[in-house]
Amino acid sequence: MLTMTEKHSLIEAAIQARRLAYAPYSKYPVGAALLTASGKIYSGVNIENAAYPVTICAERVAVFKAVSEGEKQFKAIAVVTENGGTPCGSCRQVIAEFGLGTLILVANARGELLREGTAADFLPGAFRPEDLPGS
């Protein structure tokens, strides 16, 4: 479990990351900060593209950065948008891949924590690696 100070620090990291978002089409910048079990924080931003389907969300950028550095155990991820939008379904699935107990913090641009819960709370009935035959 994270303390309120730790939660606010993670939210602040997501706010800082959000400033680097590339969102010229939606005008909806998103920042994410992922805390790993080892204590490292990986940030991510949404990166849009004129070919909309190849756009990627901030949450997945943060997770992919962490995994590319060998991290696969996560404690929490903070997601910051202007109005406290929650992670999309694809991002929820990616977070769930690495642990249904990962804490998801959703905050607005002022840093106000609006919602929190585990990946299991955000994605009930998640499809997991153990659901695949032979796992």
N, C-alpha and C. Protein backbone atom coordinates (compact mmCIF):
# COMPACT_ATOMS: atom_id res chain seq x y z
N MET A 1 0.84 -1.18 0.00
CA MET A 1 0.00 0.00 0.00
C MET A 1 0.89 1.24 0.00
N LEU A 2 0.45 2.25 -0.71
CA LEU A 2 1.21 3.50 -0.76
C LEU A 2 0.67 4.50 0.25
N THR A 3 1.56 5.30 0.80
CA THR A 3 1.15 6.39 1.68
C THR A 3 0.59 7.52 0.81
N MET A 4 -0.11 8.45 1.43
CA MET A 4 -0.62 9.61 0.68
C MET A 4 0.53 10.41 0.08
N THR A 5 1.64 10.52 0.78
CA THR A 5 2.81 11.24 0.26
C THR A 5 3.34 10.55 -0.99
N GLU A 6 3.43 9.22 -0.95
CA GLU A 6 3.89 8.47 -2.12
C GLU A 6 2.93 8.63 -3.29
N LYS A 7 1.64 8.60 -3.02
CA LYS A 7 0.64 8.78 -4.07
C LYS A 7 0.79 10.15 -4.72
N HIS A 8 0.92 11.17 -3.89
CA HIS A 8 1.04 12.53 -4.43
C HIS A 8 2.35 12.72 -5.21
N SER A 9 3.41 12.07 -4.77
CA SER A 9 4.68 12.14 -5.51
C SER A 9 4.55 11.49 -6.88
N LEU A 10 3.85 10.37 -6.94
CA LEU A 10 3.63 9.68 -8.21
C LEU A 10 2.73 10.51 -9.13
N ILE A 11 1.71 11.12 -8.56
CA ILE A 11 0.84 12.00 -9.34
C ILE A 11 1.64 13.18 -9.87
N GLU A 12 2.49 13.75 -9.06
CA GLU A 12 3.32 14.88 -9.51
C GLU A 12 4.23 14.47 -10.66
N ALA A 13 4.78 13.27 -10.60
CA ALA A 13 5.62 12.78 -11.70
C ALA A 13 4.79 12.66 -12.98
N ALA A 14 3.54 12.24 -12.86
CA ALA A 14 2.66 12.15 -14.04
C ALA A 14 2.31 13.53 -14.57
N ILE A 15 2.13 14.49 -13.68
CA ILE A 15 1.87 15.87 -14.11
C ILE A 15 3.06 16.40 -14.90
N GLN A 16 4.25 16.16 -14.39
CA GLN A 16 5.46 16.61 -15.09
C GLN A 16 5.58 15.93 -16.46
N ALA A 17 5.32 14.65 -16.51
CA ALA A 17 5.40 13.92 -17.78
C ALA A 17 4.39 14.48 -18.78
N ARG A 18 3.20 14.78 -18.31
CA ARG A 18 2.10 15.26 -19.17
C ARG A 18 2.52 16.46 -20.01
N ARG A 19 3.42 17.25 -19.50
CA ARG A 19 3.88 18.45 -20.23
C ARG A 19 4.58 18.09 -21.53
N LEU A 20 5.02 16.83 -21.66
CA LEU A 20 5.74 16.40 -22.86
C LEU A 20 4.86 15.63 -23.83
N ALA A 21 3.58 15.52 -23.53
CA ALA A 21 2.67 14.77 -24.40
C ALA A 21 2.62 15.39 -25.79
N TYR A 22 2.42 14.53 -26.77
CA TYR A 22 2.27 14.98 -28.16
C TYR A 22 0.83 14.68 -28.56
N ALA A 23 -0.04 15.67 -28.41
CA ALA A 23 -1.47 15.49 -28.64
C ALA A 23 -2.04 16.60 -29.54
N PRO A 24 -1.48 16.78 -30.75
CA PRO A 24 -1.94 17.87 -31.59
C PRO A 24 -3.34 17.68 -32.17
N TYR A 25 -3.86 16.46 -32.15
CA TYR A 25 -5.17 16.18 -32.77
C TYR A 25 -6.29 16.21 -31.75
N SER A 26 -6.13 15.49 -30.66
CA SER A 26 -7.17 15.45 -29.63
C SER A 26 -7.11 16.64 -28.69
N LYS A 27 -5.93 17.23 -28.57
CA LYS A 27 -5.70 18.31 -27.60
C LYS A 27 -5.98 17.82 -26.17
N TYR A 28 -5.72 16.54 -25.95
CA TYR A 28 -5.97 15.90 -24.65
C TYR A 28 -4.70 15.23 -24.16
N PRO A 29 -3.75 16.03 -23.63
CA PRO A 29 -2.48 15.45 -23.16
C PRO A 29 -2.69 14.59 -21.92
N VAL A 30 -1.97 13.47 -21.90
CA VAL A 30 -2.05 12.53 -20.78
C VAL A 30 -0.63 12.24 -20.31
N GLY A 31 -0.45 12.21 -19.01
CA GLY A 31 0.83 11.82 -18.42
C GLY A 31 0.63 10.64 -17.50
N ALA A 32 1.61 9.75 -17.46
CA ALA A 32 1.55 8.60 -16.57
C ALA A 32 2.89 8.43 -15.88
N ALA A 33 2.86 7.91 -14.68
CA ALA A 33 4.08 7.58 -13.93
C ALA A 33 3.85 6.24 -13.27
N LEU A 34 4.72 5.30 -13.59
CA LEU A 34 4.61 3.92 -13.13
C LEU A 34 5.68 3.63 -12.09
N LEU A 35 5.26 3.19 -10.92
CA LEU A 35 6.18 2.82 -9.84
C LEU A 35 6.37 1.31 -9.85
N THR A 36 7.60 0.88 -10.01
CA THR A 36 7.89 -0.56 -10.04
C THR A 36 8.16 -1.07 -8.62
N ALA A 37 8.16 -2.38 -8.50
CA ALA A 37 8.45 -3.00 -7.20
C ALA A 37 9.85 -2.67 -6.71
N SER A 38 10.76 -2.38 -7.65
CA SER A 38 12.14 -2.04 -7.26
C SER A 38 12.27 -0.57 -6.83
N GLY A 39 11.19 0.19 -6.98
CA GLY A 39 11.21 1.59 -6.55
C GLY A 39 11.49 2.59 -7.66
N LYS A 40 11.72 2.12 -8.87
CA LYS A 40 11.95 3.04 -10.00
C LYS A 40 10.62 3.56 -10.53
N ILE A 41 10.68 4.77 -11.08
CA ILE A 41 9.50 5.38 -11.71
C ILE A 41 9.79 5.55 -13.19
N TYR A 42 8.86 5.08 -14.00
CA TYR A 42 8.94 5.23 -15.46
C TYR A 42 7.76 6.10 -15.89
N SER A 43 8.05 7.15 -16.64
CA SER A 43 6.98 8.03 -17.09
C SER A 43 6.58 7.69 -18.52
N GLY A 44 5.41 8.17 -18.88
CA GLY A 44 4.92 8.00 -20.24
C GLY A 44 3.97 9.12 -20.60
N VAL A 45 3.84 9.37 -21.88
CA VAL A 45 2.90 10.38 -22.38
C VAL A 45 2.17 9.79 -23.58
N ASN A 46 1.00 10.35 -23.87
CA ASN A 46 0.33 9.92 -25.09
C ASN A 46 1.05 10.55 -26.28
N ILE A 47 1.16 9.76 -27.34
CA ILE A 47 1.84 10.20 -28.55
C ILE A 47 0.90 9.92 -29.71
N GLU A 48 0.33 11.00 -30.25
CA GLU A 48 -0.64 10.86 -31.33
C GLU A 48 0.05 10.85 -32.69
N ASN A 49 -0.71 10.44 -33.68
CA ASN A 49 -0.21 10.35 -35.04
C ASN A 49 -1.35 10.69 -35.98
N ALA A 50 -1.02 11.30 -37.11
CA ALA A 50 -2.05 11.63 -38.10
C ALA A 50 -2.79 10.38 -38.56
N ALA A 51 -2.11 9.25 -38.58
CA ALA A 51 -2.77 7.96 -38.82
C ALA A 51 -3.23 7.48 -37.44
N TYR A 52 -4.43 7.85 -37.05
CA TYR A 52 -4.92 7.67 -35.68
C TYR A 52 -4.69 6.29 -35.06
N PRO A 53 -4.85 5.20 -35.79
CA PRO A 53 -4.70 3.89 -35.12
C PRO A 53 -3.31 3.63 -34.54
N VAL A 54 -2.29 4.34 -34.97
CA VAL A 54 -0.96 4.09 -34.43
C VAL A 54 -0.61 4.99 -33.25
N THR A 55 -1.58 5.76 -32.80
CA THR A 55 -1.41 6.55 -31.58
C THR A 55 -1.22 5.60 -30.40
N ILE A 56 -0.45 6.04 -29.39
CA ILE A 56 -0.25 5.20 -28.20
C ILE A 56 -0.52 6.02 -26.94
N CYS A 57 -1.09 5.36 -25.97
CA CYS A 57 -1.46 6.01 -24.71
C CYS A 57 -0.27 6.12 -23.76
N ALA A 58 -0.37 7.08 -22.85
CA ALA A 58 0.69 7.33 -21.86
C ALA A 58 0.94 6.12 -20.96
N GLU A 59 -0.12 5.45 -20.57
CA GLU A 59 0.03 4.32 -19.66
C GLU A 59 0.85 3.20 -20.31
N ARG A 60 0.55 2.90 -21.57
CA ARG A 60 1.29 1.84 -22.25
C ARG A 60 2.73 2.25 -22.50
N VAL A 61 2.98 3.53 -22.77
CA VAL A 61 4.37 3.98 -22.94
C VAL A 61 5.15 3.71 -21.65
N ALA A 62 4.58 4.08 -20.51
CA ALA A 62 5.27 3.88 -19.23
C ALA A 62 5.52 2.39 -18.97
N VAL A 63 4.51 1.55 -19.20
CA VAL A 63 4.68 0.11 -18.98
C VAL A 63 5.73 -0.45 -19.92
N PHE A 64 5.66 -0.09 -21.20
CA PHE A 64 6.61 -0.62 -22.18
C PHE A 64 8.03 -0.17 -21.88
N LYS A 65 8.20 1.07 -21.42
CA LYS A 65 9.54 1.54 -21.02
C LYS A 65 10.07 0.68 -19.87
N ALA A 66 9.24 0.44 -18.88
CA ALA A 66 9.67 -0.35 -17.72
C ALA A 66 10.03 -1.77 -18.14
N VAL A 67 9.17 -2.38 -18.93
CA VAL A 67 9.43 -3.77 -19.35
C VAL A 67 10.70 -3.84 -20.19
N SER A 68 10.91 -2.83 -21.03
CA SER A 68 12.12 -2.84 -21.88
C SER A 68 13.40 -2.69 -21.05
N GLU A 69 13.25 -2.27 -19.80
CA GLU A 69 14.39 -2.16 -18.89
C GLU A 69 14.45 -3.32 -17.91
N GLY A 70 13.61 -4.34 -18.13
CA GLY A 70 13.65 -5.53 -17.31
C GLY A 70 12.69 -5.55 -16.13
N GLU A 71 11.89 -4.52 -15.98
CA GLU A 71 10.95 -4.44 -14.86
C GLU A 71 9.62 -5.09 -15.27
N LYS A 72 9.11 -5.96 -14.42
CA LYS A 72 7.84 -6.61 -14.73
C LYS A 72 6.91 -6.68 -13.51
N GLN A 73 7.33 -6.09 -12.41
CA GLN A 73 6.50 -6.07 -11.20
C GLN A 73 6.23 -4.62 -10.84
N PHE A 74 4.95 -4.29 -10.80
CA PHE A 74 4.56 -2.90 -10.60
C PHE A 74 3.75 -2.74 -9.32
N LYS A 75 3.97 -1.61 -8.66
CA LYS A 75 3.20 -1.29 -7.47
C LYS A 75 2.02 -0.40 -7.81
N ALA A 76 2.28 0.65 -8.61
CA ALA A 76 1.22 1.62 -8.88
C ALA A 76 1.53 2.41 -10.15
N ILE A 77 0.45 2.94 -10.73
CA ILE A 77 0.59 3.85 -11.85
C ILE A 77 -0.36 5.02 -11.62
N ALA A 78 0.16 6.22 -11.81
CA ALA A 78 -0.67 7.43 -11.73
C ALA A 78 -0.91 7.91 -13.16
N VAL A 79 -2.15 8.30 -13.42
CA VAL A 79 -2.55 8.80 -14.73
C VAL A 79 -3.17 10.18 -14.52
N VAL A 80 -2.65 11.16 -15.26
CA VAL A 80 -3.14 12.53 -15.12
C VAL A 80 -3.64 13.05 -16.46
N THR A 81 -4.87 13.55 -16.45
CA THR A 81 -5.45 14.24 -17.60
C THR A 81 -6.06 15.54 -17.10
N GLU A 82 -6.55 16.35 -18.00
CA GLU A 82 -7.18 17.61 -17.59
C GLU A 82 -8.33 17.37 -16.62
N ASN A 83 -9.15 16.38 -16.92
CA ASN A 83 -10.38 16.17 -16.15
C ASN A 83 -10.44 14.84 -15.40
N GLY A 84 -9.33 14.11 -15.32
CA GLY A 84 -9.32 12.85 -14.57
C GLY A 84 -9.86 11.67 -15.35
N GLY A 85 -9.66 11.67 -16.66
CA GLY A 85 -10.08 10.53 -17.48
C GLY A 85 -9.34 9.27 -17.06
N THR A 86 -10.04 8.15 -17.11
CA THR A 86 -9.45 6.87 -16.69
C THR A 86 -8.75 6.18 -17.86
N PRO A 87 -7.88 5.21 -17.59
CA PRO A 87 -7.20 4.48 -18.65
C PRO A 87 -8.21 3.78 -19.58
N CYS A 88 -7.87 3.72 -20.86
CA CYS A 88 -8.73 3.03 -21.82
C CYS A 88 -8.64 1.52 -21.59
N GLY A 89 -9.47 0.79 -22.28
CA GLY A 89 -9.49 -0.66 -22.12
C GLY A 89 -8.17 -1.32 -22.48
N SER A 90 -7.52 -0.86 -23.53
CA SER A 90 -6.23 -1.44 -23.92
C SER A 90 -5.20 -1.24 -22.82
N CYS A 91 -5.17 -0.06 -22.24
CA CYS A 91 -4.21 0.21 -21.17
C CYS A 91 -4.52 -0.61 -19.93
N ARG A 92 -5.79 -0.76 -19.62
CA ARG A 92 -6.18 -1.58 -18.47
C ARG A 92 -5.70 -3.02 -18.67
N GLN A 93 -5.85 -3.53 -19.89
CA GLN A 93 -5.42 -4.90 -20.19
C GLN A 93 -3.90 -5.03 -20.05
N VAL A 94 -3.15 -4.05 -20.54
CA VAL A 94 -1.70 -4.11 -20.45
C VAL A 94 -1.25 -4.05 -18.99
N ILE A 95 -1.86 -3.18 -18.20
CA ILE A 95 -1.52 -3.10 -16.77
C ILE A 95 -1.84 -4.43 -16.09
N ALA A 96 -3.01 -5.00 -16.38
CA ALA A 96 -3.42 -6.26 -15.77
C ALA A 96 -2.48 -7.40 -16.12
N GLU A 97 -1.87 -7.35 -17.28
CA GLU A 97 -0.93 -8.40 -17.70
C GLU A 97 0.17 -8.61 -16.66
N PHE A 98 0.54 -7.53 -15.97
CA PHE A 98 1.66 -7.60 -15.04
C PHE A 98 1.23 -7.62 -13.58
N GLY A 99 -0.07 -7.72 -13.33
CA GLY A 99 -0.53 -7.86 -11.96
C GLY A 99 -1.84 -7.17 -11.69
N LEU A 100 -2.83 -7.94 -11.31
CA LEU A 100 -4.15 -7.37 -11.01
C LEU A 100 -4.14 -6.52 -9.75
N GLY A 101 -3.08 -6.64 -8.95
CA GLY A 101 -2.97 -5.84 -7.74
C GLY A 101 -2.33 -4.48 -7.93
N THR A 102 -1.89 -4.18 -9.15
CA THR A 102 -1.29 -2.86 -9.41
C THR A 102 -2.30 -1.77 -9.09
N LEU A 103 -1.90 -0.81 -8.28
CA LEU A 103 -2.77 0.30 -7.90
C LEU A 103 -2.81 1.32 -9.03
N ILE A 104 -4.00 1.74 -9.42
CA ILE A 104 -4.17 2.77 -10.45
C ILE A 104 -4.72 4.02 -9.77
N LEU A 105 -3.98 5.12 -9.92
CA LEU A 105 -4.38 6.42 -9.37
C LEU A 105 -4.78 7.32 -10.54
N VAL A 106 -5.96 7.90 -10.48
CA VAL A 106 -6.43 8.79 -11.53
C VAL A 106 -6.58 10.19 -10.93
N ALA A 107 -5.91 11.16 -11.56
CA ALA A 107 -5.93 12.53 -11.05
C ALA A 107 -6.17 13.51 -12.18
N ASN A 108 -6.60 14.70 -11.80
CA ASN A 108 -6.77 15.75 -12.80
C ASN A 108 -5.51 16.61 -12.86
N ALA A 109 -5.53 17.60 -13.74
CA ALA A 109 -4.35 18.43 -13.99
C ALA A 109 -3.92 19.24 -12.76
N ARG A 110 -4.81 19.41 -11.80
CA ARG A 110 -4.47 20.13 -10.57
C ARG A 110 -3.86 19.19 -9.53
N GLY A 111 -3.75 17.89 -9.88
CA GLY A 111 -3.15 16.93 -8.97
C GLY A 111 -4.12 16.35 -7.97
N GLU A 112 -5.40 16.59 -8.16
CA GLU A 112 -6.41 16.05 -7.24
C GLU A 112 -6.67 14.59 -7.58
N LEU A 113 -6.51 13.72 -6.61
CA LEU A 113 -6.77 12.30 -6.77
C LEU A 113 -8.28 12.11 -6.82
N LEU A 114 -8.79 11.65 -7.97
CA LEU A 114 -10.22 11.51 -8.17
C LEU A 114 -10.72 10.08 -8.02
N ARG A 115 -9.83 9.13 -8.32
CA ARG A 115 -10.24 7.73 -8.26
C ARG A 115 -9.00 6.86 -8.07
N GLU A 116 -9.16 5.80 -7.33
CA GLU A 116 -8.08 4.83 -7.19
C GLU A 116 -8.66 3.45 -6.98
N GLY A 117 -7.92 2.48 -7.45
CA GLY A 117 -8.32 1.09 -7.29
C GLY A 117 -7.26 0.22 -7.93
N THR A 118 -7.40 -1.07 -7.78
CA THR A 118 -6.44 -1.99 -8.38
C THR A 118 -6.78 -2.21 -9.85
N ALA A 119 -5.86 -2.82 -10.56
CA ALA A 119 -6.14 -3.18 -11.95
C ALA A 119 -7.36 -4.09 -12.01
N ALA A 120 -7.52 -4.97 -11.02
CA ALA A 120 -8.70 -5.84 -10.97
C ALA A 120 -9.98 -5.04 -10.83
N ASP A 121 -9.94 -3.94 -10.07
CA ASP A 121 -11.11 -3.07 -9.93
C ASP A 121 -11.46 -2.40 -11.26
N PHE A 122 -10.43 -1.97 -11.97
CA PHE A 122 -10.63 -1.26 -13.23
C PHE A 122 -10.95 -2.20 -14.40
N LEU A 123 -10.57 -3.48 -14.27
CA LEU A 123 -10.79 -4.44 -15.36
C LEU A 123 -11.26 -5.78 -14.78
N PRO A 124 -12.50 -5.80 -14.28
CA PRO A 124 -12.99 -7.08 -13.75
C PRO A 124 -13.06 -8.12 -14.87
N GLY A 125 -12.73 -9.34 -14.53
CA GLY A 125 -12.77 -10.41 -15.52
C GLY A 125 -11.66 -10.33 -16.54
N ALA A 126 -10.54 -9.72 -16.18
CA ALA A 126 -9.42 -9.54 -17.10
C ALA A 126 -8.95 -10.87 -17.67
N PHE A 127 -8.59 -10.85 -18.94
CA PHE A 127 -7.97 -12.02 -19.57
C PHE A 127 -6.51 -12.03 -19.18
N ARG A 128 -6.07 -13.11 -18.57
CA ARG A 128 -4.73 -13.18 -18.01
C ARG A 128 -3.88 -14.26 -18.67
N PRO A 129 -2.57 -14.20 -18.54
CA PRO A 129 -1.71 -15.23 -19.13
C PRO A 129 -2.13 -16.65 -18.75
N GLU A 130 -2.57 -16.83 -17.51
CA GLU A 130 -2.98 -18.17 -17.08
C GLU A 130 -4.26 -18.66 -17.75
N ASP A 131 -4.96 -17.77 -18.45
CA ASP A 131 -6.15 -18.17 -19.21
C ASP A 131 -5.79 -18.85 -20.53
N LEU A 132 -4.55 -18.73 -20.97
CA LEU A 132 -4.12 -19.35 -22.22
C LEU A 132 -3.89 -20.85 -22.00
N PRO A 133 -4.23 -21.66 -22.98
CA PRO A 133 -3.98 -23.10 -22.85
C PRO A 133 -2.49 -23.37 -22.64
N GLY A 134 -2.20 -24.31 -21.78
CA GLY A 134 -0.82 -24.70 -21.54
C GLY A 134 -0.07 -23.80 -20.58
N SER A 135 -0.75 -22.84 -19.98
CA SER A 135 -0.07 -21.93 -19.04
C SER A 135 0.08 -22.56 -17.69
